[in-house]
Amino acid sequence: MDNLDFIQDVDLHRTLTDSIEFIYTIYEQSKNKGQKELYVEETYRVMILYVVSAIEAVFLYIYKARGEKIHYLDYKYIQTLPKEFKYKDKTSSPIVVAVQEKVDRQEYQIGIHDLVNFFKDKKIIKETTATEILELNDTRNTLHFSKPRIKKCDLTQVESALKMLVYVIDRTPKALQNK
């Protein structure tokens, strides 16, 4: 896929290309008449899963290529103060003293939510784009069997998701250049 030529990682390029082809294949299959409504909706949900996963992979690629880091605060050497120390309305909670340390998140700890917010804060993506991607991710999360499927998934959402994927892919080379 020519639009993905900015991805130098051969395996990632192949995975994304194959995944996009898979999305197209199941999209075409979902058009078959006589399919149960549930089957069609679940197929749409899988397409959104793949789209959001592709966006996440592209964002992670940008993140790594730019050499930036997402941090979190870690607390070490935590010491609980004696019970006599109280804090306002939290009198039953202990007060602690700790060393606060800024730690780089490991790649396996970084998800779509982290990447979207990081790029939004860095002004690499717009607030509206961030909101749309996180809404797609919310739809993707309904794929978990233990979560209720309150949100319906339809062709309009799939088309919106695919447009977002194209939007992200088209703008990635610029994000890679503007370090």
C-alpha atoms as a PDB file:
ATOM      1  CA  MET A   1       0.000   0.000   0.000  1.00  0.00           C
ATOM      2  CA  ASP A   2       1.662   3.183  -1.231  1.00  0.00           C
ATOM      3  CA  ASN A   3       0.146   5.420   1.448  1.00  0.00           C
ATOM      4  CA  LEU A   4       2.102   3.464   4.053  1.00  0.00           C
ATOM      5  CA  ASP A   5       5.498   3.949   2.405  1.00  0.00           C
ATOM      6  CA  PHE A   6       6.558   6.222   5.272  1.00  0.00           C
ATOM      7  CA  ILE A   7       6.722   3.129   7.505  1.00  0.00           C
ATOM      8  CA  GLN A   8      10.276   1.826   7.368  1.00  0.00           C
ATOM      9  CA  ASP A   9       9.547  -1.192   9.574  1.00  0.00           C
ATOM     10  CA  VAL A  10       8.911  -3.942   7.001  1.00  0.00           C
ATOM     11  CA  ASP A  11       6.945  -6.172   9.389  1.00  0.00           C
ATOM     12  CA  LEU A  12       4.690  -3.343  10.550  1.00  0.00           C
ATOM     13  CA  HIS A  13       4.145  -2.229   6.956  1.00  0.00           C
ATOM     14  CA  ARG A  14       3.120  -5.758   5.960  1.00  0.00           C
ATOM     15  CA  THR A  15       0.877  -6.177   9.016  1.00  0.00           C
ATOM     16  CA  LEU A  16      -0.913  -2.890   8.367  1.00  0.00           C
ATOM     17  CA  THR A  17      -1.314  -3.637   4.666  1.00  0.00           C
ATOM     18  CA  ASP A  18      -2.685  -7.115   5.383  1.00  0.00           C
ATOM     19  CA  SER A  19      -5.021  -5.759   8.059  1.00  0.00           C
ATOM     20  CA  ILE A  20      -6.412  -3.071   5.770  1.00  0.00           C
ATOM     21  CA  GLU A  21      -6.983  -5.700   3.078  1.00  0.00           C
ATOM     22  CA  PHE A  22      -8.754  -7.856   5.672  1.00  0.00           C
ATOM     23  CA  ILE A  23     -11.006  -4.941   6.630  1.00  0.00           C
ATOM     24  CA  TYR A  24     -11.946  -4.518   2.978  1.00  0.00           C
ATOM     25  CA  THR A  25     -12.602  -8.254   2.584  1.00  0.00           C
ATOM     26  CA  ILE A  26     -14.949  -8.508   5.551  1.00  0.00           C
ATOM     27  CA  TYR A  27     -16.603  -5.255   4.515  1.00  0.00           C
ATOM     28  CA  GLU A  28     -17.425  -6.801   1.145  1.00  0.00           C
ATOM     29  CA  GLN A  29     -18.612 -10.016   2.810  1.00  0.00           C
ATOM     30  CA  SER A  30     -20.900  -8.052   5.120  1.00  0.00           C
ATOM     31  CA  LYS A  31     -22.823  -6.850   2.054  1.00  0.00           C
ATOM     32  CA  ASN A  32     -24.022 -10.384   1.303  1.00  0.00           C
ATOM     33  CA  LYS A  33     -27.790 -10.494   1.514  1.00  0.00           C
ATOM     34  CA  GLY A  34     -29.347 -12.926   3.919  1.00  0.00           C
ATOM     35  CA  GLN A  35     -26.856 -12.334   6.734  1.00  0.00           C
ATOM     36  CA  LYS A  36     -28.257 -12.135  10.232  1.00  0.00           C
ATOM     37  CA  GLU A  37     -28.398  -8.584  11.552  1.00  0.00           C
ATOM     38  CA  LEU A  38     -26.224  -9.640  14.496  1.00  0.00           C
ATOM     39  CA  TYR A  39     -23.587 -11.047  12.118  1.00  0.00           C
ATOM     40  CA  VAL A  40     -23.470  -7.801  10.152  1.00  0.00           C
ATOM     41  CA  GLU A  41     -23.202  -5.678  13.305  1.00  0.00           C
ATOM     42  CA  GLU A  42     -20.447  -7.866  14.752  1.00  0.00           C
ATOM     43  CA  THR A  43     -18.592  -7.664  11.441  1.00  0.00           C
ATOM     44  CA  TYR A  44     -18.797  -3.869  11.625  1.00  0.00           C
ATOM     45  CA  ARG A  45     -17.506  -4.028  15.195  1.00  0.00           C
ATOM     46  CA  VAL A  46     -14.526  -6.142  14.062  1.00  0.00           C
ATOM     47  CA  MET A  47     -13.791  -3.625  11.294  1.00  0.00           C
ATOM     48  CA  ILE A  48     -13.692  -0.834  13.864  1.00  0.00           C
ATOM     49  CA  LEU A  49     -11.447  -2.986  16.058  1.00  0.00           C
ATOM     50  CA  TYR A  50      -9.017  -3.348  13.171  1.00  0.00           C
ATOM     51  CA  VAL A  51      -9.185   0.340  12.236  1.00  0.00           C
ATOM     52  CA  VAL A  52      -8.466   1.502  15.784  1.00  0.00           C
ATOM     53  CA  SER A  53      -5.675  -1.066  16.090  1.00  0.00           C
ATOM     54  CA  ALA A  54      -4.173   0.259  12.843  1.00  0.00           C
ATOM     55  CA  ILE A  55      -4.390   3.854  14.101  1.00  0.00           C
ATOM     56  CA  GLU A  56      -2.769   2.763  17.356  1.00  0.00           C
ATOM     57  CA  ALA A  57       0.063   1.047  15.442  1.00  0.00           C
ATOM     58  CA  VAL A  58       0.657   4.144  13.290  1.00  0.00           C
ATOM     59  CA  PHE A  59       0.658   6.380  16.376  1.00  0.00           C
ATOM     60  CA  LEU A  60       3.093   4.087  18.165  1.00  0.00           C
ATOM     61  CA  TYR A  61       5.322   4.161  15.087  1.00  0.00           C
ATOM     62  CA  ILE A  62       5.270   7.985  15.108  1.00  0.00           C
ATOM     63  CA  TYR A  63       5.951   8.006  18.840  1.00  0.00           C
ATOM     64  CA  LYS A  64       8.988   5.750  18.495  1.00  0.00           C
ATOM     65  CA  ALA A  65      10.296   7.504  15.367  1.00  0.00           C
ATOM     66  CA  ARG A  66      10.121  10.898  17.052  1.00  0.00           C
ATOM     67  CA  GLY A  67      12.031   9.549  20.046  1.00  0.00           C
ATOM     68  CA  GLU A  68       9.709  11.145  22.559  1.00  0.00           C
ATOM     69  CA  LYS A  69       8.699   9.669  25.900  1.00  0.00           C
ATOM     70  CA  ILE A  70       5.490   9.348  27.843  1.00  0.00           C
ATOM     71  CA  HIS A  71       6.063   9.509  31.580  1.00  0.00           C
ATOM     72  CA  TYR A  72       4.190   8.627  34.711  1.00  0.00           C
ATOM     73  CA  LEU A  73       4.831   9.415  38.347  1.00  0.00           C
ATOM     74  CA  ASP A  74       6.020   6.562  40.525  1.00  0.00           C
ATOM     75  CA  TYR A  75       6.188   6.709  44.304  1.00  0.00           C
ATOM     76  CA  LYS A  76       8.999   4.876  46.071  1.00  0.00           C
ATOM     77  CA  TYR A  77      10.147   4.445  49.638  1.00  0.00           C
ATOM     78  CA  ILE A  78       6.644   5.082  50.937  1.00  0.00           C
ATOM     79  CA  GLN A  79       6.494   5.706  54.660  1.00  0.00           C
ATOM     80  CA  THR A  80       3.270   5.968  56.617  1.00  0.00           C
ATOM     81  CA  LEU A  81       3.201   8.703  59.232  1.00  0.00           C
ATOM     82  CA  PRO A  82       1.867   7.966  62.729  1.00  0.00           C
ATOM     83  CA  LYS A  83      -1.942   7.883  63.094  1.00  0.00           C
ATOM     84  CA  GLU A  84      -1.883  11.208  64.931  1.00  0.00           C
ATOM     85  CA  PHE A  85      -1.328  12.939  61.591  1.00  0.00           C
ATOM     86  CA  LYS A  86      -4.689  13.613  59.949  1.00  0.00           C
ATOM     87  CA  TYR A  87      -5.779  15.420  56.818  1.00  0.00           C
ATOM     88  CA  LYS A  88      -8.988  17.501  56.877  1.00  0.00           C
ATOM     89  CA  ASP A  89     -11.951  15.343  55.883  1.00  0.00           C
ATOM     90  CA  LYS A  90      -9.822  12.241  55.242  1.00  0.00           C
ATOM     91  CA  THR A  91      -9.160  11.524  58.897  1.00  0.00           C
ATOM     92  CA  SER A  92      -9.455   7.758  58.520  1.00  0.00           C
ATOM     93  CA  SER A  93      -6.896   7.635  55.699  1.00  0.00           C
ATOM     94  CA  PRO A  94      -3.211   7.409  56.561  1.00  0.00           C
ATOM     95  CA  ILE A  95      -0.806  10.147  55.534  1.00  0.00           C
ATOM     96  CA  VAL A  96       2.312   9.000  53.738  1.00  0.00           C
ATOM     97  CA  VAL A  97       5.638  10.452  52.702  1.00  0.00           C
ATOM     98  CA  ALA A  98       7.292   9.140  49.558  1.00  0.00           C
ATOM     99  CA  VAL A  99       9.862   9.902  46.911  1.00  0.00           C
ATOM    100  CA  GLN A 100       8.177  10.916  43.665  1.00  0.00           C
ATOM    101  CA  GLU A 101       9.991   9.876  40.510  1.00  0.00           C
ATOM    102  CA  LYS A 102       9.192  10.559  36.848  1.00  0.00           C
ATOM    103  CA  VAL A 103       9.480   7.261  34.960  1.00  0.00           C
ATOM    104  CA  ASP A 104       9.335   6.578  31.214  1.00  0.00           C
ATOM    105  CA  ARG A 105       6.457   4.318  30.230  1.00  0.00           C
ATOM    106  CA  GLN A 106       7.578   1.128  28.579  1.00  0.00           C
ATOM    107  CA  GLU A 107       6.176   0.479  25.111  1.00  0.00           C
ATOM    108  CA  TYR A 108       3.951  -2.348  26.360  1.00  0.00           C
ATOM    109  CA  GLN A 109       2.371   0.104  28.843  1.00  0.00           C
ATOM    110  CA  ILE A 110       1.330   2.565  26.135  1.00  0.00           C
ATOM    111  CA  GLY A 111      -2.103   2.285  24.573  1.00  0.00           C
ATOM    112  CA  ILE A 112      -4.225   4.274  22.174  1.00  0.00           C
ATOM    113  CA  HIS A 113      -5.580   6.510  24.940  1.00  0.00           C
ATOM    114  CA  ASP A 114      -2.052   7.457  26.055  1.00  0.00           C
ATOM    115  CA  LEU A 115      -0.900   8.122  22.495  1.00  0.00           C
ATOM    116  CA  VAL A 116      -3.944  10.195  21.546  1.00  0.00           C
ATOM    117  CA  ASN A 117      -3.634  12.388  24.629  1.00  0.00           C
ATOM    118  CA  PHE A 118       0.133  12.710  24.210  1.00  0.00           C
ATOM    119  CA  PHE A 119      -0.199  13.811  20.566  1.00  0.00           C
ATOM    120  CA  LYS A 120      -3.082  16.128  21.421  1.00  0.00           C
ATOM    121  CA  ASP A 121      -0.985  17.779  24.146  1.00  0.00           C
ATOM    122  CA  LYS A 122       1.930  18.117  21.701  1.00  0.00           C
ATOM    123  CA  LYS A 123      -0.462  19.695  19.150  1.00  0.00           C
ATOM    124  CA  ILE A 124       0.276  16.918  16.658  1.00  0.00           C
ATOM    125  CA  ILE A 125      -3.422  16.084  16.421  1.00  0.00           C
ATOM    126  CA  LYS A 126      -6.412  18.333  16.916  1.00  0.00           C
ATOM    127  CA  GLU A 127      -8.751  18.102  19.876  1.00  0.00           C
ATOM    128  CA  THR A 128     -11.599  17.032  17.573  1.00  0.00           C
ATOM    129  CA  THR A 129      -9.461  14.297  16.027  1.00  0.00           C
ATOM    130  CA  ALA A 130      -8.512  13.054  19.482  1.00  0.00           C
ATOM    131  CA  THR A 131     -12.159  12.964  20.538  1.00  0.00           C
ATOM    132  CA  GLU A 132     -13.203  11.069  17.406  1.00  0.00           C
ATOM    133  CA  ILE A 133     -10.440   8.482  17.818  1.00  0.00           C
ATOM    134  CA  LEU A 134     -11.290   7.934  21.478  1.00  0.00           C
ATOM    135  CA  GLU A 135     -14.967   7.514  20.563  1.00  0.00           C
ATOM    136  CA  LEU A 136     -13.956   4.880  18.009  1.00  0.00           C
ATOM    137  CA  ASN A 137     -11.871   3.228  20.695  1.00  0.00           C
ATOM    138  CA  ASP A 138     -14.912   3.206  22.961  1.00  0.00           C
ATOM    139  CA  THR A 139     -16.801   1.337  20.241  1.00  0.00           C
ATOM    140  CA  ARG A 140     -13.856  -1.043  19.869  1.00  0.00           C
ATOM    141  CA  ASN A 141     -13.933  -1.734  23.598  1.00  0.00           C
ATOM    142  CA  THR A 142     -17.477  -3.065  23.294  1.00  0.00           C
ATOM    143  CA  LEU A 143     -15.913  -6.074  21.592  1.00  0.00           C
ATOM    144  CA  HIS A 144     -14.998  -7.392  25.035  1.00  0.00           C
ATOM    145  CA  PHE A 145     -17.529 -10.095  25.757  1.00  0.00           C
ATOM    146  CA  SER A 146     -17.861  -9.083  29.392  1.00  0.00           C
ATOM    147  CA  LYS A 147     -18.981  -5.548  28.515  1.00  0.00           C
ATOM    148  CA  PRO A 148     -22.543  -4.677  27.584  1.00  0.00           C
ATOM    149  CA  ARG A 149     -23.105  -3.792  23.959  1.00  0.00           C
ATOM    150  CA  ILE A 150     -25.251  -0.766  24.498  1.00  0.00           C
ATOM    151  CA  LYS A 151     -23.814   1.055  21.497  1.00  0.00           C
ATOM    152  CA  LYS A 152     -25.016  -0.174  18.147  1.00  0.00           C
ATOM    153  CA  CYS A 153     -22.394  -0.479  15.470  1.00  0.00           C
ATOM    154  CA  ASP A 154     -23.450   0.381  11.934  1.00  0.00           C
ATOM    155  CA  LEU A 155     -22.118   1.123   8.472  1.00  0.00           C
ATOM    156  CA  THR A 156     -21.971   4.863   9.166  1.00  0.00           C
ATOM    157  CA  GLN A 157     -19.588   4.270  12.084  1.00  0.00           C
ATOM    158  CA  VAL A 158     -17.436   1.963   9.969  1.00  0.00           C
ATOM    159  CA  GLU A 159     -17.208   4.529   7.182  1.00  0.00           C
ATOM    160  CA  SER A 160     -16.334   7.213   9.724  1.00  0.00           C
ATOM    161  CA  ALA A 161     -13.640   4.956  11.186  1.00  0.00           C
ATOM    162  CA  LEU A 162     -12.174   4.252   7.752  1.00  0.00           C
ATOM    163  CA  LYS A 163     -12.097   7.978   6.967  1.00  0.00           C
ATOM    164  CA  MET A 164     -10.249   8.554  10.235  1.00  0.00           C
ATOM    165  CA  LEU A 165      -7.709   5.871   9.338  1.00  0.00           C
ATOM    166  CA  VAL A 166      -7.081   7.504   5.953  1.00  0.00           C
ATOM    167  CA  TYR A 167      -6.833  10.904   7.662  1.00  0.00           C
ATOM    168  CA  VAL A 168      -4.225   9.595  10.126  1.00  0.00           C
ATOM    169  CA  ILE A 169      -2.213   7.800   7.436  1.00  0.00           C
ATOM    170  CA  ASP A 170      -2.233  10.839   5.136  1.00  0.00           C
ATOM    171  CA  ARG A 171      -0.930  13.126   7.894  1.00  0.00           C
ATOM    172  CA  THR A 172       1.659  10.817   9.416  1.00  0.00           C
ATOM    173  CA  PRO A 173       4.584  11.834   7.162  1.00  0.00           C
ATOM    174  CA  LYS A 174       4.182  15.445   8.349  1.00  0.00           C
ATOM    175  CA  ALA A 175       4.134  14.309  11.996  1.00  0.00           C
ATOM    176  CA  LEU A 176       7.344  12.381  11.379  1.00  0.00           C
ATOM    177  CA  GLN A 177       9.067  15.428   9.857  1.00  0.00           C
ATOM    178  CA  ASN A 178       8.041  17.915  12.563  1.00  0.00           C
ATOM    179  CA  LYS A 179      10.045  16.569  15.478  1.00  0.00           C
END
